[in-house]
PDB file of N, CA and C in Angstrom:
ATOM      1  N   MET A   1      -8.860  -0.066   0.951  1.00  0.00           N
ATOM      2  CA  MET A   1      -8.764   0.198  -0.473  1.00  0.00           C
ATOM      3  C   MET A   1     -10.054   0.037  -1.211  1.00  0.00           C
ATOM      4  N   LYS A   2     -10.255   0.833  -2.175  1.00  0.00           N
ATOM      5  CA  LYS A   2     -11.434   0.799  -2.961  1.00  0.00           C
ATOM      6  C   LYS A   2     -11.416  -0.400  -3.914  1.00  0.00           C
ATOM      7  N   ASN A   3     -10.312  -0.653  -4.613  1.00  0.00           N
ATOM      8  CA  ASN A   3     -10.073  -1.786  -5.417  1.00  0.00           C
ATOM      9  C   ASN A   3      -8.810  -2.375  -5.212  1.00  0.00           C
ATOM     10  N   VAL A   4      -8.686  -3.718  -5.185  1.00  0.00           N
ATOM     11  CA  VAL A   4      -7.434  -4.451  -4.997  1.00  0.00           C
ATOM     12  C   VAL A   4      -7.137  -5.207  -6.214  1.00  0.00           C
ATOM     13  N   TYR A   5      -5.907  -5.073  -6.758  1.00  0.00           N
ATOM     14  CA  TYR A   5      -5.530  -5.684  -7.971  1.00  0.00           C
ATOM     15  C   TYR A   5      -4.583  -6.893  -7.879  1.00  0.00           C
ATOM     16  N   VAL A   6      -4.187  -7.159  -6.624  1.00  0.00           N
ATOM     17  CA  VAL A   6      -3.267  -8.265  -6.334  1.00  0.00           C
ATOM     18  C   VAL A   6      -3.804  -9.166  -5.322  1.00  0.00           C
ATOM     19  N   ASP A   7      -3.215 -10.388  -5.239  1.00  0.00           N
ATOM     20  CA  ASP A   7      -3.655 -11.354  -4.154  1.00  0.00           C
ATOM     21  C   ASP A   7      -2.554 -11.529  -3.183  1.00  0.00           C
ATOM     22  N   VAL A   8      -2.806 -12.077  -1.982  1.00  0.00           N
ATOM     23  CA  VAL A   8      -1.842 -12.395  -1.008  1.00  0.00           C
ATOM     24  C   VAL A   8      -0.824 -13.330  -1.688  1.00  0.00           C
ATOM     25  N   GLY A   9       0.497 -13.112  -1.500  1.00  0.00           N
ATOM     26  CA  GLY A   9       1.546 -13.945  -2.031  1.00  0.00           C
ATOM     27  C   GLY A   9       2.000 -13.525  -3.440  1.00  0.00           C
ATOM     28  N   ASP A  10       1.226 -12.604  -4.076  1.00  0.00           N
ATOM     29  CA  ASP A  10       1.682 -12.188  -5.408  1.00  0.00           C
ATOM     30  C   ASP A  10       3.029 -11.448  -5.315  1.00  0.00           C
ATOM     31  N   TYR A  11       3.865 -11.596  -6.345  1.00  0.00           N
ATOM     32  CA  TYR A  11       5.028 -10.808  -6.495  1.00  0.00           C
ATOM     33  C   TYR A  11       4.715  -9.613  -7.345  1.00  0.00           C
ATOM     34  N   VAL A  12       5.043  -8.406  -6.945  1.00  0.00           N
ATOM     35  CA  VAL A  12       4.721  -7.273  -7.746  1.00  0.00           C
ATOM     36  C   VAL A  12       6.073  -6.605  -8.126  1.00  0.00           C
ATOM     37  N   SER A  13       6.013  -6.045  -9.351  1.00  0.00           N
ATOM     38  CA  SER A  13       7.202  -5.331  -9.860  1.00  0.00           C
ATOM     39  C   SER A  13       7.008  -3.847  -9.715  1.00  0.00           C
ATOM     40  N   PRO A  14       8.120  -3.053  -9.697  1.00  0.00           N
ATOM     41  CA  PRO A  14       7.942  -1.647  -9.571  1.00  0.00           C
ATOM     42  C   PRO A  14       7.020  -1.046 -10.646  1.00  0.00           C
ATOM     43  N   GLY A  15       6.139  -0.211 -10.213  1.00  0.00           N
ATOM     44  CA  GLY A  15       5.297   0.517 -11.153  1.00  0.00           C
ATOM     45  C   GLY A  15       3.943  -0.273 -11.342  1.00  0.00           C
ATOM     46  N   LYS A  16       3.819  -1.532 -10.829  1.00  0.00           N
ATOM     47  CA  LYS A  16       2.611  -2.263 -10.973  1.00  0.00           C
ATOM     48  C   LYS A  16       1.635  -1.787  -9.862  1.00  0.00           C
ATOM     49  N   PRO A  17       0.411  -1.357 -10.395  1.00  0.00           N
ATOM     50  CA  PRO A  17      -0.622  -0.898  -9.426  1.00  0.00           C
ATOM     51  C   PRO A  17      -1.114  -2.028  -8.568  1.00  0.00           C
ATOM     52  N   ILE A  18      -1.163  -1.868  -7.316  1.00  0.00           N
ATOM     53  CA  ILE A  18      -1.639  -2.878  -6.405  1.00  0.00           C
ATOM     54  C   ILE A  18      -3.129  -2.586  -5.973  1.00  0.00           C
ATOM     55  N   GLY A  19      -3.586  -1.423  -6.306  1.00  0.00           N
ATOM     56  CA  GLY A  19      -5.000  -1.103  -5.985  1.00  0.00           C
ATOM     57  C   GLY A  19      -5.254   0.399  -6.066  1.00  0.00           C
ATOM     58  N   THR A  20      -6.522   0.777  -5.737  1.00  0.00           N
ATOM     59  CA  THR A  20      -6.825   2.213  -5.746  1.00  0.00           C
ATOM     60  C   THR A  20      -7.285   2.520  -4.393  1.00  0.00           C
ATOM     61  N   MET A  21      -6.931   3.704  -3.901  1.00  0.00           N
ATOM     62  CA  MET A  21      -7.279   4.126  -2.568  1.00  0.00           C
ATOM     63  C   MET A  21      -8.756   4.676  -2.620  1.00  0.00           C
ATOM     64  N   GLY A  22      -9.420   4.542  -1.458  1.00  0.00           N
ATOM     65  CA  GLY A  22     -10.759   5.086  -1.415  1.00  0.00           C
ATOM     66  C   GLY A  22     -11.115   5.353   0.073  1.00  0.00           C
ATOM     67  N   ARG A  23     -12.396   5.781   0.285  1.00  0.00           N
ATOM     68  CA  ARG A  23     -12.769   6.090   1.641  1.00  0.00           C
ATOM     69  C   ARG A  23     -13.783   4.990   2.031  1.00  0.00           C
ATOM     70  N   THR A  24     -13.320   3.892   2.756  1.00  0.00           N
ATOM     71  CA  THR A  24     -14.160   2.819   3.147  1.00  0.00           C
ATOM     72  C   THR A  24     -13.975   2.639   4.620  1.00  0.00           C
ATOM     73  N   GLY A  25     -14.790   1.841   5.215  1.00  0.00           N
ATOM     74  CA  GLY A  25     -14.718   1.514   6.651  1.00  0.00           C
ATOM     75  C   GLY A  25     -15.317   2.506   7.565  1.00  0.00           C
ATOM     76  N   LYS A  26     -15.185   2.246   8.883  1.00  0.00           N
ATOM     77  CA  LYS A  26     -15.822   2.983   9.965  1.00  0.00           C
ATOM     78  C   LYS A  26     -15.323   4.398   9.981  1.00  0.00           C
ATOM     79  N   ASN A  27     -14.051   4.670   9.781  1.00  0.00           N
ATOM     80  CA  ASN A  27     -13.455   5.996   9.807  1.00  0.00           C
ATOM     81  C   ASN A  27     -13.536   6.807   8.591  1.00  0.00           C
ATOM     82  N   ALA A  28     -14.177   6.231   7.524  1.00  0.00           N
ATOM     83  CA  ALA A  28     -14.366   6.990   6.286  1.00  0.00           C
ATOM     84  C   ALA A  28     -15.347   8.067   6.422  1.00  0.00           C
ATOM     85  N   TYR A  29     -16.385   7.928   7.350  1.00  0.00           N
ATOM     86  CA  TYR A  29     -17.469   8.885   7.374  1.00  0.00           C
ATOM     87  C   TYR A  29     -17.067  10.260   7.845  1.00  0.00           C
ATOM     88  N   PRO A  30     -16.161  10.332   8.942  1.00  0.00           N
ATOM     89  CA  PRO A  30     -15.786  11.714   9.348  1.00  0.00           C
ATOM     90  C   PRO A  30     -14.989  12.417   8.309  1.00  0.00           C
ATOM     91  N   SER A  31     -15.259  13.633   8.134  1.00  0.00           N
ATOM     92  CA  SER A  31     -14.503  14.403   7.025  1.00  0.00           C
ATOM     93  C   SER A  31     -13.281  15.068   7.651  1.00  0.00           C
ATOM     94  N   ARG A  32     -12.194  14.291   7.725  1.00  0.00           N
ATOM     95  CA  ARG A  32     -10.879  14.858   8.298  1.00  0.00           C
ATOM     96  C   ARG A  32      -9.905  15.053   7.211  1.00  0.00           C
ATOM     97  N   SER A  33      -9.675  14.053   6.363  1.00  0.00           N
ATOM     98  CA  SER A  33      -8.714  14.109   5.303  1.00  0.00           C
ATOM     99  C   SER A  33      -9.322  13.358   4.056  1.00  0.00           C
ATOM    100  N   PRO A  34      -8.872  13.721   2.890  1.00  0.00           N
ATOM    101  CA  PRO A  34      -9.448  13.068   1.716  1.00  0.00           C
ATOM    102  C   PRO A  34      -9.192  11.551   1.752  1.00  0.00           C
ATOM    103  N   THR A  35      -8.060  11.113   2.209  1.00  0.00           N
ATOM    104  CA  THR A  35      -7.780   9.658   2.241  1.00  0.00           C
ATOM    105  C   THR A  35      -6.501   9.461   3.056  1.00  0.00           C
ATOM    106  N   HIS A  36      -6.171   8.186   3.388  1.00  0.00           N
ATOM    107  CA  HIS A  36      -4.893   7.903   4.008  1.00  0.00           C
ATOM    108  C   HIS A  36      -4.586   6.434   3.671  1.00  0.00           C
ATOM    109  N   LEU A  37      -3.377   6.047   3.987  1.00  0.00           N
ATOM    110  CA  LEU A  37      -2.986   4.636   3.587  1.00  0.00           C
ATOM    111  C   LEU A  37      -2.152   4.014   4.740  1.00  0.00           C
ATOM    112  N   HIS A  38      -2.468   2.786   5.005  1.00  0.00           N
ATOM    113  CA  HIS A  38      -1.703   1.976   5.858  1.00  0.00           C
ATOM    114  C   HIS A  38      -0.965   0.901   5.089  1.00  0.00           C
ATOM    115  N   ILE A  39       0.294   0.851   5.156  1.00  0.00           N
ATOM    116  CA  ILE A  39       1.028  -0.116   4.258  1.00  0.00           C
ATOM    117  C   ILE A  39       2.196  -0.662   5.028  1.00  0.00           C
ATOM    118  N   MET A  40       2.463  -1.923   4.836  1.00  0.00           N
ATOM    119  CA  MET A  40       3.706  -2.568   5.424  1.00  0.00           C
ATOM    120  C   MET A  40       4.388  -3.362   4.283  1.00  0.00           C
ATOM    121  N   TYR A  41       5.634  -3.207   4.241  1.00  0.00           N
ATOM    122  CA  TYR A  41       6.509  -3.923   3.270  1.00  0.00           C
ATOM    123  C   TYR A  41       7.372  -4.868   4.101  1.00  0.00           C
ATOM    124  N   VAL A  42       7.363  -6.136   3.728  1.00  0.00           N
ATOM    125  CA  VAL A  42       8.202  -7.108   4.417  1.00  0.00           C
ATOM    126  C   VAL A  42       9.129  -7.770   3.368  1.00  0.00           C
ATOM    127  N   ARG A  43      10.309  -8.181   3.838  1.00  0.00           N
ATOM    128  CA  ARG A  43      11.214  -8.926   3.008  1.00  0.00           C
ATOM    129  C   ARG A  43      11.629 -10.156   3.747  1.00  0.00           C
ATOM    130  N   SER A  44      11.770 -11.282   3.000  1.00  0.00           N
ATOM    131  CA  SER A  44      12.072 -12.590   3.569  1.00  0.00           C
ATOM    132  C   SER A  44      13.495 -12.753   3.645  1.00  0.00           C
ATOM    133  N   TYR A  45      14.022 -12.966   4.804  1.00  0.00           N
ATOM    134  CA  TYR A  45      15.435 -13.324   5.047  1.00  0.00           C
ATOM    135  C   TYR A  45      15.481 -14.686   5.635  1.00  0.00           C
ATOM    136  N   ASP A  46      15.905 -15.696   4.760  1.00  0.00           N
ATOM    137  CA  ASP A  46      15.965 -17.068   5.154  1.00  0.00           C
ATOM    138  C   ASP A  46      14.724 -17.553   5.764  1.00  0.00           C
ATOM    139  N   GLY A  47      13.542 -17.167   5.195  1.00  0.00           N
ATOM    140  CA  GLY A  47      12.258 -17.599   5.676  1.00  0.00           C
ATOM    141  C   GLY A  47      11.616 -16.697   6.798  1.00  0.00           C
ATOM    142  N   GLU A  48      12.434 -15.816   7.297  1.00  0.00           N
ATOM    143  CA  GLU A  48      11.884 -14.868   8.373  1.00  0.00           C
ATOM    144  C   GLU A  48      11.500 -13.598   7.719  1.00  0.00           C
ATOM    145  N   LEU A  49      10.173 -13.174   7.953  1.00  0.00           N
ATOM    146  CA  LEU A  49       9.723 -11.928   7.316  1.00  0.00           C
ATOM    147  C   LEU A  49      10.087 -10.726   8.271  1.00  0.00           C
ATOM    148  N   LEU A  50      10.761  -9.745   7.731  1.00  0.00           N
ATOM    149  CA  LEU A  50      11.230  -8.673   8.505  1.00  0.00           C
ATOM    150  C   LEU A  50      10.668  -7.324   7.777  1.00  0.00           C
ATOM    151  N   PRO A  51      10.028  -6.483   8.517  1.00  0.00           N
ATOM    152  CA  PRO A  51       9.415  -5.247   7.921  1.00  0.00           C
ATOM    153  C   PRO A  51      10.626  -4.305   7.547  1.00  0.00           C
ATOM    154  N   GLU A  52      10.450  -3.529   6.475  1.00  0.00           N
ATOM    155  CA  GLU A  52      11.400  -2.519   6.053  1.00  0.00           C
ATOM    156  C   GLU A  52      10.683  -1.227   5.972  1.00  0.00           C
ATOM    157  N   ASN A  53      11.429  -0.165   6.285  1.00  0.00           N
ATOM    158  CA  ASN A  53      10.933   1.236   6.324  1.00  0.00           C
ATOM    159  C   ASN A  53      11.051   1.681   4.781  1.00  0.00           C
ATOM    160  N   ILE A  54       9.766   1.906   4.154  1.00  0.00           N
ATOM    161  CA  ILE A  54       9.830   2.385   2.811  1.00  0.00           C
ATOM    162  C   ILE A  54       9.291   3.813   2.650  1.00  0.00           C
ATOM    163  N   TYR A  55       9.304   4.499   3.764  1.00  0.00           N
ATOM    164  CA  TYR A  55       8.747   5.930   3.762  1.00  0.00           C
ATOM    165  C   TYR A  55       9.440   6.773   2.717  1.00  0.00           C
ATOM    166  N   SER A  56      10.786   6.714   2.636  1.00  0.00           N
ATOM    167  CA  SER A  56      11.429   7.578   1.673  1.00  0.00           C
ATOM    168  C   SER A  56      11.105   7.176   0.237  1.00  0.00           C
ATOM    169  N   ASP A  57      10.955   5.844   0.029  1.00  0.00           N
ATOM    170  CA  ASP A  57      10.484   5.421  -1.330  1.00  0.00           C
ATOM    171  C   ASP A  57       9.143   5.990  -1.644  1.00  0.00           C
ATOM    172  N   LEU A  58       8.213   5.968  -0.764  1.00  0.00           N
ATOM    173  CA  LEU A  58       6.850   6.494  -1.060  1.00  0.00           C
ATOM    174  C   LEU A  58       6.919   8.004  -1.337  1.00  0.00           C
ATOM    175  N   LEU A  59       7.775   8.682  -0.594  1.00  0.00           N
ATOM    176  CA  LEU A  59       7.907  10.168  -0.851  1.00  0.00           C
ATOM    177  C   LEU A  59       8.401  10.367  -2.333  1.00  0.00           C
ATOM    178  N   ASN A  60       9.218   9.538  -2.766  1.00  0.00           N
ATOM    179  CA  ASN A  60       9.844   9.687  -4.098  1.00  0.00           C
ATOM    180  C   ASN A  60       9.115   9.030  -5.277  1.00  0.00           C
ATOM    181  N   ALA A  61       8.020   8.314  -4.889  1.00  0.00           N
ATOM    182  CA  ALA A  61       7.280   7.609  -5.889  1.00  0.00           C
ATOM    183  C   ALA A  61       6.445   8.590  -6.844  1.00  0.00           C
ATOM    184  N   LYS A  62       6.219   8.119  -8.058  1.00  0.00           N
ATOM    185  CA  LYS A  62       5.447   9.002  -8.908  1.00  0.00           C
ATOM    186  C   LYS A  62       4.015   8.407  -8.900  1.00  0.00           C
ATOM    187  N   ILE A  63       3.025   9.212  -9.237  1.00  0.00           N
ATOM    188  CA  ILE A  63       1.641   8.802  -9.303  1.00  0.00           C
ATOM    189  C   ILE A  63       1.335   8.323 -10.642  1.00  0.00           C
ATOM    190  N   ILE A  64       0.700   7.099 -10.751  1.00  0.00           N
ATOM    191  CA  ILE A  64       0.341   6.633 -12.053  1.00  0.00           C
ATOM    192  C   ILE A  64      -1.243   6.648 -12.164  1.00  0.00           C
ATOM    193  N   TYR A  65      -1.744   7.213 -13.150  1.00  0.00           N
ATOM    194  CA  TYR A  65      -3.228   7.238 -13.225  1.00  0.00           C
ATOM    195  C   TYR A  65      -3.702   6.296 -14.288  1.00  0.00           C
TER     196      TYR A  65
END
């Protein structure tokens, strides 16, 4: 990410920007695609963190500038 607006452990509400995407790191140099994102969403169930599939939520999300 180019900019990060949250810290580890922060609670974020829907619509709150968590950062801006950018082209950084070793794989940013090759011109393949304008950008990409790796994201994981986990939910706590009685103290155990379990990942959830948020792909459909991302497809339906709106872009906030």
